[in-house]
Every structure is written in C-alpha cells, then in structure tokens.
Amino acid sequence: MTQPKRTDKGTYALVMRCRKTSRTKIGKLGQIKLRPGFYIYVGSAFGPGGIEARVSRHRRRDKKLHWHIDYLRLHTALIETWTLAGPVNLEHDWAAILEEQYEIAQQRFGASDCRCKAHLFYSADKPSPNEINPHLDIQKLIRKE
C-alpha cells in the first residue's frame, strides 16, 4: 500500500464510527444529533504539510477546536482514511458523489466556504471508497487507522 509522501497535496476522506446516540454542539453550526453508524467527511489539503499533516491533525484529540470536524472527532473513532494525492482539489466532486450514495449527516457541515450542501455523510453500514470512484486503485487509497 502506497501512502502519500509527507508533503503531498490532495483530497482525503475520514471514515469514522460512532457507537452511541448523542447530541453535540458543532461550533457556530449548532447542534447535531449523532447516531450509531459511520460518518464520512471529505476535505482537501493544499497547504503546508499536505495530506499527511492535515490527517495527522484530524487524528489528534488534544487540539484547539477550529473546524466542524474537530468537534465531531471528540465523539467518533477514526477507523480509515482515503487519500488521493494530486494537484487537483477533488473535495467537492467527492462530496457530490457521496451525497448520491449516502445521507447528508448535517447540512453545511464542512461546507461553509463552498456551494456544497455538506461535506459530512452518514451510513449505517461501513462505507467503501468504491462509491467515490470504482476505477481508483483502492489499495493505494485506503489507510486503516
């Protein structure tokens, strides 16, 4: 399995598991009801450090809460990451594809700076990166946490 280089830029998805029903405040977005199941969050990393730096931040629990995902990570276990290095930001494309396959978990989550309805999706069953693109080399895309 090929991992992105430390500074590779690109697009990523976090697959998280929630084990219990709860409610939590997500920054300025407000309350969100969490259900047992899986949450998929899509993002991009084109700043310093690239994908590895961004995903490493998402793995940590001891950090300043800044993005919507930071609040959600307090209540979920990161079980898998999907990454695709490259010069093109596919975050919005992935969000559009996932919206067709899964339920939007919370309107505007992770999408306050774009036209997407959301960048967070819910599934009762464990999702597969095949929903994003069945032609991708899945072994290079998935990283078990």
N, C-alpha and C. Protein backbone atom coordinates (compact mmCIF):
# COMPACT_ATOMS: atom_id res chain seq x y z
N MET A 1 0.85 -1.17 0.00
CA MET A 1 0.00 0.00 0.00
C MET A 1 0.89 1.24 0.00
N THR A 2 0.66 2.14 -0.92
CA THR A 2 1.45 3.36 -1.02
C THR A 2 0.78 4.48 -0.26
N GLN A 3 1.49 5.07 0.68
CA GLN A 3 0.98 6.20 1.45
C GLN A 3 1.44 7.48 0.78
N PRO A 4 0.67 8.57 0.97
CA PRO A 4 1.13 9.83 0.40
C PRO A 4 2.45 10.24 1.04
N LYS A 5 3.29 10.92 0.26
CA LYS A 5 4.52 11.48 0.82
C LYS A 5 4.13 12.54 1.83
N ARG A 6 5.01 12.81 2.73
CA ARG A 6 4.72 13.73 3.83
C ARG A 6 4.15 15.07 3.36
N THR A 7 4.59 15.56 2.22
CA THR A 7 4.14 16.88 1.77
C THR A 7 3.17 16.83 0.60
N ASP A 8 2.73 15.64 0.19
CA ASP A 8 1.79 15.54 -0.94
C ASP A 8 0.52 16.32 -0.64
N LYS A 9 0.07 17.07 -1.61
CA LYS A 9 -1.19 17.79 -1.53
C LYS A 9 -2.27 16.90 -2.14
N GLY A 10 -3.52 17.12 -1.76
CA GLY A 10 -4.58 16.33 -2.38
C GLY A 10 -5.88 16.34 -1.60
N THR A 11 -6.67 15.32 -1.85
CA THR A 11 -8.01 15.19 -1.29
C THR A 11 -8.03 13.99 -0.35
N TYR A 12 -8.86 14.09 0.68
CA TYR A 12 -8.94 12.99 1.65
C TYR A 12 -10.38 12.82 2.15
N ALA A 13 -10.65 11.65 2.67
CA ALA A 13 -11.91 11.38 3.37
C ALA A 13 -11.56 10.66 4.66
N LEU A 14 -12.26 11.03 5.72
CA LEU A 14 -12.13 10.36 7.01
C LEU A 14 -13.37 9.51 7.20
N VAL A 15 -13.17 8.25 7.54
CA VAL A 15 -14.28 7.36 7.85
C VAL A 15 -14.24 7.15 9.36
N MET A 16 -15.33 7.54 10.02
CA MET A 16 -15.39 7.49 11.48
C MET A 16 -16.58 6.65 11.93
N ARG A 17 -16.42 6.03 13.08
CA ARG A 17 -17.50 5.24 13.66
C ARG A 17 -18.01 5.94 14.92
N CYS A 18 -19.32 5.99 15.02
CA CYS A 18 -19.98 6.50 16.23
C CYS A 18 -20.72 5.31 16.84
N ARG A 19 -20.51 5.08 18.11
CA ARG A 19 -21.10 3.90 18.75
C ARG A 19 -22.39 4.17 19.52
N LYS A 20 -22.70 5.46 19.81
CA LYS A 20 -23.90 5.72 20.60
C LYS A 20 -24.60 6.99 20.13
N THR A 21 -25.87 7.06 20.42
CA THR A 21 -26.66 8.24 20.11
C THR A 21 -26.32 9.35 21.09
N SER A 22 -26.11 10.54 20.55
CA SER A 22 -25.84 11.70 21.40
C SER A 22 -26.11 12.97 20.63
N ARG A 23 -26.05 14.09 21.31
CA ARG A 23 -26.15 15.40 20.68
C ARG A 23 -24.90 16.17 21.07
N THR A 24 -24.40 16.97 20.13
CA THR A 24 -23.24 17.78 20.44
C THR A 24 -23.32 19.09 19.65
N LYS A 25 -22.70 20.10 20.18
CA LYS A 25 -22.62 21.39 19.50
C LYS A 25 -21.41 21.37 18.58
N ILE A 26 -21.62 21.81 17.35
CA ILE A 26 -20.56 21.87 16.35
C ILE A 26 -20.27 23.34 16.07
N GLY A 27 -19.45 23.95 16.89
CA GLY A 27 -19.08 25.35 16.69
C GLY A 27 -20.28 26.23 16.43
N LYS A 28 -20.16 27.12 15.44
CA LYS A 28 -21.24 28.03 15.09
C LYS A 28 -22.35 27.35 14.30
N LEU A 29 -22.11 26.13 13.85
CA LEU A 29 -23.11 25.39 13.09
C LEU A 29 -24.31 25.01 13.95
N GLY A 30 -24.08 24.80 15.24
CA GLY A 30 -25.16 24.44 16.16
C GLY A 30 -25.14 22.97 16.53
N GLN A 31 -26.29 22.49 17.00
CA GLN A 31 -26.42 21.13 17.48
C GLN A 31 -26.50 20.13 16.33
N ILE A 32 -25.92 18.98 16.56
CA ILE A 32 -26.04 17.86 15.62
C ILE A 32 -26.37 16.62 16.44
N LYS A 33 -27.28 15.82 15.91
CA LYS A 33 -27.62 14.56 16.56
C LYS A 33 -26.77 13.47 15.92
N LEU A 34 -26.02 12.76 16.75
CA LEU A 34 -25.19 11.65 16.27
C LEU A 34 -25.91 10.34 16.51
N ARG A 35 -25.76 9.44 15.56
CA ARG A 35 -26.37 8.11 15.65
C ARG A 35 -25.28 7.06 15.52
N PRO A 36 -25.52 5.90 16.06
CA PRO A 36 -24.56 4.81 15.83
C PRO A 36 -24.46 4.54 14.33
N GLY A 37 -23.24 4.37 13.87
CA GLY A 37 -23.01 4.13 12.45
C GLY A 37 -21.72 4.79 12.03
N PHE A 38 -21.64 5.10 10.75
CA PHE A 38 -20.40 5.61 10.16
C PHE A 38 -20.62 6.99 9.57
N TYR A 39 -19.63 7.83 9.75
CA TYR A 39 -19.63 9.18 9.19
C TYR A 39 -18.44 9.30 8.25
N ILE A 40 -18.68 9.92 7.10
CA ILE A 40 -17.62 10.14 6.12
C ILE A 40 -17.49 11.65 5.92
N TYR A 41 -16.30 12.15 6.16
CA TYR A 41 -16.03 13.58 6.00
C TYR A 41 -15.00 13.74 4.89
N VAL A 42 -15.28 14.63 3.93
CA VAL A 42 -14.32 14.87 2.85
C VAL A 42 -13.70 16.26 3.00
N GLY A 43 -12.41 16.32 2.69
CA GLY A 43 -11.68 17.57 2.77
C GLY A 43 -10.53 17.57 1.79
N SER A 44 -9.80 18.67 1.79
CA SER A 44 -8.62 18.77 0.92
C SER A 44 -7.48 19.37 1.71
N ALA A 45 -6.29 19.11 1.27
CA ALA A 45 -5.08 19.58 1.96
C ALA A 45 -4.09 20.10 0.94
N PHE A 46 -4.14 21.39 0.71
CA PHE A 46 -3.23 22.00 -0.24
C PHE A 46 -2.32 23.02 0.43
N GLY A 47 -2.34 23.06 1.75
CA GLY A 47 -1.47 23.96 2.50
C GLY A 47 -0.17 23.27 2.88
N PRO A 48 0.61 23.93 3.74
CA PRO A 48 1.89 23.36 4.18
C PRO A 48 1.69 21.98 4.83
N GLY A 49 2.53 21.05 4.46
CA GLY A 49 2.46 19.71 5.04
C GLY A 49 1.55 18.76 4.30
N GLY A 50 0.65 19.27 3.48
CA GLY A 50 -0.20 18.44 2.65
C GLY A 50 -1.14 17.51 3.41
N ILE A 51 -1.46 16.39 2.77
CA ILE A 51 -2.42 15.43 3.29
C ILE A 51 -1.99 14.87 4.64
N GLU A 52 -0.74 14.47 4.75
CA GLU A 52 -0.28 13.83 5.99
C GLU A 52 -0.43 14.75 7.19
N ALA A 53 -0.08 16.01 7.03
CA ALA A 53 -0.20 16.97 8.13
C ALA A 53 -1.67 17.17 8.51
N ARG A 54 -2.52 17.31 7.52
CA ARG A 54 -3.95 17.54 7.81
C ARG A 54 -4.58 16.34 8.48
N VAL A 55 -4.35 15.15 7.93
CA VAL A 55 -4.94 13.94 8.51
C VAL A 55 -4.36 13.68 9.91
N SER A 56 -3.09 13.95 10.10
CA SER A 56 -2.49 13.80 11.44
C SER A 56 -3.19 14.71 12.44
N ARG A 57 -3.52 15.91 12.03
CA ARG A 57 -4.25 16.81 12.92
C ARG A 57 -5.62 16.23 13.26
N HIS A 58 -6.29 15.68 12.26
CA HIS A 58 -7.61 15.11 12.49
C HIS A 58 -7.55 13.88 13.41
N ARG A 59 -6.44 13.18 13.42
CA ARG A 59 -6.29 12.02 14.31
C ARG A 59 -6.23 12.44 15.78
N ARG A 60 -5.60 13.58 16.04
CA ARG A 60 -5.40 14.03 17.42
C ARG A 60 -6.72 14.49 18.05
N ARG A 61 -6.82 14.25 19.34
CA ARG A 61 -7.99 14.73 20.07
C ARG A 61 -7.65 15.95 20.91
N ASP A 62 -6.39 16.13 21.25
CA ASP A 62 -5.96 17.26 22.07
C ASP A 62 -5.50 18.41 21.17
N LYS A 63 -6.45 19.22 20.73
CA LYS A 63 -6.15 20.33 19.84
C LYS A 63 -7.20 21.42 20.04
N LYS A 64 -6.88 22.59 19.58
CA LYS A 64 -7.85 23.68 19.61
C LYS A 64 -8.96 23.34 18.62
N LEU A 65 -10.21 23.49 19.04
CA LEU A 65 -11.33 23.20 18.16
C LEU A 65 -11.52 24.37 17.20
N HIS A 66 -11.32 24.10 15.93
CA HIS A 66 -11.36 25.15 14.91
C HIS A 66 -12.40 24.83 13.84
N TRP A 67 -12.26 23.68 13.19
CA TRP A 67 -13.15 23.28 12.11
C TRP A 67 -14.29 22.44 12.66
N HIS A 68 -15.37 22.34 11.87
CA HIS A 68 -16.50 21.50 12.27
C HIS A 68 -16.05 20.09 12.63
N ILE A 69 -15.16 19.54 11.83
CA ILE A 69 -14.70 18.17 12.04
C ILE A 69 -14.02 17.99 13.40
N ASP A 70 -13.38 19.04 13.91
CA ASP A 70 -12.72 18.94 15.22
C ASP A 70 -13.72 18.60 16.32
N TYR A 71 -14.90 19.17 16.25
CA TYR A 71 -15.94 18.91 17.25
C TYR A 71 -16.47 17.48 17.11
N LEU A 72 -16.68 17.05 15.88
CA LEU A 72 -17.20 15.70 15.64
C LEU A 72 -16.20 14.63 16.09
N ARG A 73 -14.92 14.88 15.89
CA ARG A 73 -13.90 13.89 16.25
C ARG A 73 -13.88 13.59 17.75
N LEU A 74 -14.41 14.47 18.57
CA LEU A 74 -14.49 14.20 20.01
C LEU A 74 -15.45 13.07 20.32
N HIS A 75 -16.34 12.74 19.38
CA HIS A 75 -17.39 11.75 19.61
C HIS A 75 -17.31 10.55 18.67
N THR A 76 -16.25 10.47 17.87
CA THR A 76 -16.14 9.38 16.90
C THR A 76 -14.74 8.79 16.92
N ALA A 77 -14.65 7.56 16.46
CA ALA A 77 -13.36 6.89 16.30
C ALA A 77 -13.00 6.90 14.82
N LEU A 78 -11.82 7.38 14.50
CA LEU A 78 -11.34 7.37 13.12
C LEU A 78 -10.90 5.96 12.79
N ILE A 79 -11.56 5.34 11.82
CA ILE A 79 -11.23 3.94 11.51
C ILE A 79 -10.50 3.77 10.19
N GLU A 80 -10.62 4.77 9.30
CA GLU A 80 -10.00 4.63 8.00
C GLU A 80 -9.86 6.02 7.37
N THR A 81 -8.82 6.18 6.57
CA THR A 81 -8.70 7.39 5.76
C THR A 81 -8.54 6.99 4.30
N TRP A 82 -9.13 7.78 3.43
CA TRP A 82 -8.98 7.59 1.99
C TRP A 82 -8.26 8.84 1.49
N THR A 83 -7.18 8.68 0.80
CA THR A 83 -6.42 9.82 0.31
C THR A 83 -6.10 9.66 -1.17
N LEU A 84 -6.03 10.78 -1.84
CA LEU A 84 -5.64 10.79 -3.24
C LEU A 84 -4.79 12.03 -3.47
N ALA A 85 -3.49 11.82 -3.65
CA ALA A 85 -2.57 12.93 -3.89
C ALA A 85 -2.69 13.40 -5.33
N GLY A 86 -2.55 14.70 -5.52
CA GLY A 86 -2.58 15.27 -6.85
C GLY A 86 -2.82 16.76 -6.81
N PRO A 87 -2.60 17.41 -7.92
CA PRO A 87 -2.69 18.87 -7.96
C PRO A 87 -4.12 19.42 -8.04
N VAL A 88 -5.10 18.54 -8.28
CA VAL A 88 -6.49 18.99 -8.44
C VAL A 88 -7.27 18.71 -7.16
N ASN A 89 -8.00 19.71 -6.69
CA ASN A 89 -8.84 19.56 -5.50
C ASN A 89 -10.13 18.84 -5.90
N LEU A 90 -10.30 17.61 -5.41
CA LEU A 90 -11.48 16.80 -5.73
C LEU A 90 -12.49 16.77 -4.58
N GLU A 91 -12.27 17.59 -3.57
CA GLU A 91 -13.13 17.61 -2.38
C GLU A 91 -14.61 17.77 -2.74
N HIS A 92 -14.92 18.72 -3.60
CA HIS A 92 -16.31 18.99 -3.94
C HIS A 92 -16.89 17.89 -4.83
N ASP A 93 -16.06 17.32 -5.70
CA ASP A 93 -16.50 16.20 -6.53
C ASP A 93 -16.83 14.99 -5.66
N TRP A 94 -15.94 14.70 -4.69
CA TRP A 94 -16.20 13.58 -3.79
C TRP A 94 -17.47 13.82 -2.99
N ALA A 95 -17.68 15.05 -2.52
CA ALA A 95 -18.88 15.37 -1.74
C ALA A 95 -20.14 15.14 -2.59
N ALA A 96 -20.11 15.54 -3.85
CA ALA A 96 -21.27 15.35 -4.73
C ALA A 96 -21.55 13.87 -4.95
N ILE A 97 -20.52 13.08 -5.13
CA ILE A 97 -20.69 11.64 -5.32
C ILE A 97 -21.23 10.98 -4.06
N LEU A 98 -20.65 11.33 -2.91
CA LEU A 98 -21.11 10.74 -1.65
C LEU A 98 -22.54 11.14 -1.33
N GLU A 99 -22.93 12.35 -1.72
CA GLU A 99 -24.31 12.80 -1.49
C GLU A 99 -25.30 11.91 -2.22
N GLU A 100 -24.90 11.39 -3.37
CA GLU A 100 -25.78 10.49 -4.13
C GLU A 100 -25.88 9.12 -3.47
N GLN A 101 -24.85 8.71 -2.74
CA GLN A 101 -24.79 7.37 -2.16
C GLN A 101 -25.26 7.30 -0.71
N TYR A 102 -25.09 8.40 0.03
CA TYR A 102 -25.33 8.39 1.47
C TYR A 102 -26.20 9.57 1.88
N GLU A 103 -26.62 9.52 3.11
CA GLU A 103 -27.42 10.58 3.70
C GLU A 103 -26.51 11.74 4.15
N ILE A 104 -26.93 12.96 3.91
CA ILE A 104 -26.21 14.10 4.45
C ILE A 104 -26.41 14.07 5.96
N ALA A 105 -25.31 14.07 6.70
CA ALA A 105 -25.39 13.97 8.16
C ALA A 105 -25.83 15.28 8.79
N GLN A 106 -25.37 16.39 8.24
CA GLN A 106 -25.72 17.72 8.75
C GLN A 106 -25.50 18.72 7.62
N GLN A 107 -26.54 19.46 7.28
CA GLN A 107 -26.42 20.48 6.24
C GLN A 107 -25.30 21.45 6.59
N ARG A 108 -24.51 21.85 5.60
CA ARG A 108 -23.43 22.83 5.67
C ARG A 108 -22.21 22.38 6.46
N PHE A 109 -22.22 21.20 7.05
CA PHE A 109 -21.08 20.71 7.82
C PHE A 109 -19.86 20.64 6.90
N GLY A 110 -18.81 21.36 7.26
CA GLY A 110 -17.58 21.35 6.48
C GLY A 110 -17.68 22.08 5.16
N ALA A 111 -18.82 22.71 4.90
CA ALA A 111 -19.06 23.34 3.61
C ALA A 111 -19.45 24.81 3.76
N SER A 112 -18.97 25.44 4.78
CA SER A 112 -19.33 26.85 5.00
C SER A 112 -18.64 27.78 4.01
N ASP A 113 -17.62 27.29 3.32
CA ASP A 113 -16.87 28.13 2.38
C ASP A 113 -17.03 27.69 0.92
N CYS A 114 -18.10 26.92 0.65
CA CYS A 114 -18.33 26.47 -0.72
C CYS A 114 -19.82 26.32 -0.97
N ARG A 115 -20.18 25.87 -2.15
CA ARG A 115 -21.58 25.72 -2.53
C ARG A 115 -22.15 24.33 -2.25
N CYS A 116 -21.34 23.42 -1.77
CA CYS A 116 -21.80 22.06 -1.47
C CYS A 116 -22.85 22.10 -0.35
N LYS A 117 -23.76 21.15 -0.36
CA LYS A 117 -24.74 21.06 0.72
C LYS A 117 -24.07 20.66 2.02
N ALA A 118 -23.07 19.79 1.92
CA ALA A 118 -22.35 19.31 3.11
C ALA A 118 -21.12 18.55 2.67
N HIS A 119 -20.22 18.36 3.61
CA HIS A 119 -19.05 17.51 3.39
C HIS A 119 -19.03 16.38 4.41
N LEU A 120 -20.17 16.14 5.07
CA LEU A 120 -20.29 15.06 6.05
C LEU A 120 -21.50 14.21 5.71
N PHE A 121 -21.25 12.90 5.65
CA PHE A 121 -22.29 11.97 5.24
C PHE A 121 -22.39 10.84 6.25
N TYR A 122 -23.57 10.22 6.30
CA TYR A 122 -23.84 9.17 7.28
C TYR A 122 -24.23 7.88 6.57
N SER A 123 -23.79 6.76 7.16
CA SER A 123 -24.18 5.44 6.68
C SER A 123 -24.30 4.51 7.87
N ALA A 124 -25.35 3.72 7.90
CA ALA A 124 -25.49 2.72 8.96
C ALA A 124 -24.45 1.61 8.77
N ASP A 125 -24.07 1.38 7.52
CA ASP A 125 -23.09 0.34 7.19
C ASP A 125 -21.75 0.98 6.83
N LYS A 126 -20.67 0.20 7.03
CA LYS A 126 -19.34 0.72 6.73
C LYS A 126 -19.24 1.07 5.24
N PRO A 127 -18.85 2.30 4.94
CA PRO A 127 -18.75 2.72 3.54
C PRO A 127 -17.49 2.18 2.86
N SER A 128 -17.50 2.27 1.55
CA SER A 128 -16.36 1.83 0.75
C SER A 128 -15.93 2.97 -0.17
N PRO A 129 -14.63 3.11 -0.39
CA PRO A 129 -14.18 4.15 -1.34
C PRO A 129 -14.62 3.87 -2.77
N ASN A 130 -15.13 2.67 -3.04
CA ASN A 130 -15.64 2.37 -4.38
C ASN A 130 -16.76 3.32 -4.78
N GLU A 131 -17.48 3.87 -3.79
CA GLU A 131 -18.55 4.80 -4.11
C GLU A 131 -18.00 6.10 -4.70
N ILE A 132 -16.77 6.45 -4.36
CA ILE A 132 -16.18 7.67 -4.90
C ILE A 132 -15.79 7.45 -6.35
N ASN A 133 -15.07 6.38 -6.61
CA ASN A 133 -14.66 6.10 -7.98
C ASN A 133 -14.25 4.65 -8.08
N PRO A 134 -15.06 3.83 -8.74
CA PRO A 134 -14.73 2.41 -8.83
C PRO A 134 -13.46 2.12 -9.62
N HIS A 135 -12.91 3.12 -10.30
CA HIS A 135 -11.71 2.91 -11.10
C HIS A 135 -10.42 3.26 -10.37
N LEU A 136 -10.53 3.84 -9.18
CA LEU A 136 -9.32 4.16 -8.42
C LEU A 136 -8.65 2.90 -7.92
N ASP A 137 -7.36 2.95 -7.74
CA ASP A 137 -6.63 1.84 -7.14
C ASP A 137 -6.90 1.89 -5.64
N ILE A 138 -7.85 1.09 -5.20
CA ILE A 138 -8.33 1.14 -3.82
C ILE A 138 -7.21 0.83 -2.83
N GLN A 139 -6.29 -0.04 -3.18
CA GLN A 139 -5.21 -0.37 -2.26
C GLN A 139 -4.33 0.85 -1.97
N LYS A 140 -4.24 1.75 -2.91
CA LYS A 140 -3.44 2.97 -2.68
C LYS A 140 -4.26 4.04 -1.97
N LEU A 141 -5.56 3.94 -2.01
CA LEU A 141 -6.44 4.97 -1.48
C LEU A 141 -6.72 4.79 0.02
N ILE A 142 -6.82 3.55 0.49
CA ILE A 142 -7.26 3.27 1.86
C ILE A 142 -6.09 3.19 2.82
N ARG A 143 -6.29 3.73 4.00
CA ARG A 143 -5.35 3.55 5.10
C ARG A 143 -6.16 3.19 6.34
N LYS A 144 -5.93 2.00 6.84
CA LYS A 144 -6.60 1.58 8.08
C LYS A 144 -5.96 2.33 9.24
N GLU A 145 -6.77 2.81 10.14
CA GLU A 145 -6.25 3.56 11.30
C GLU A 145 -5.96 2.62 12.44
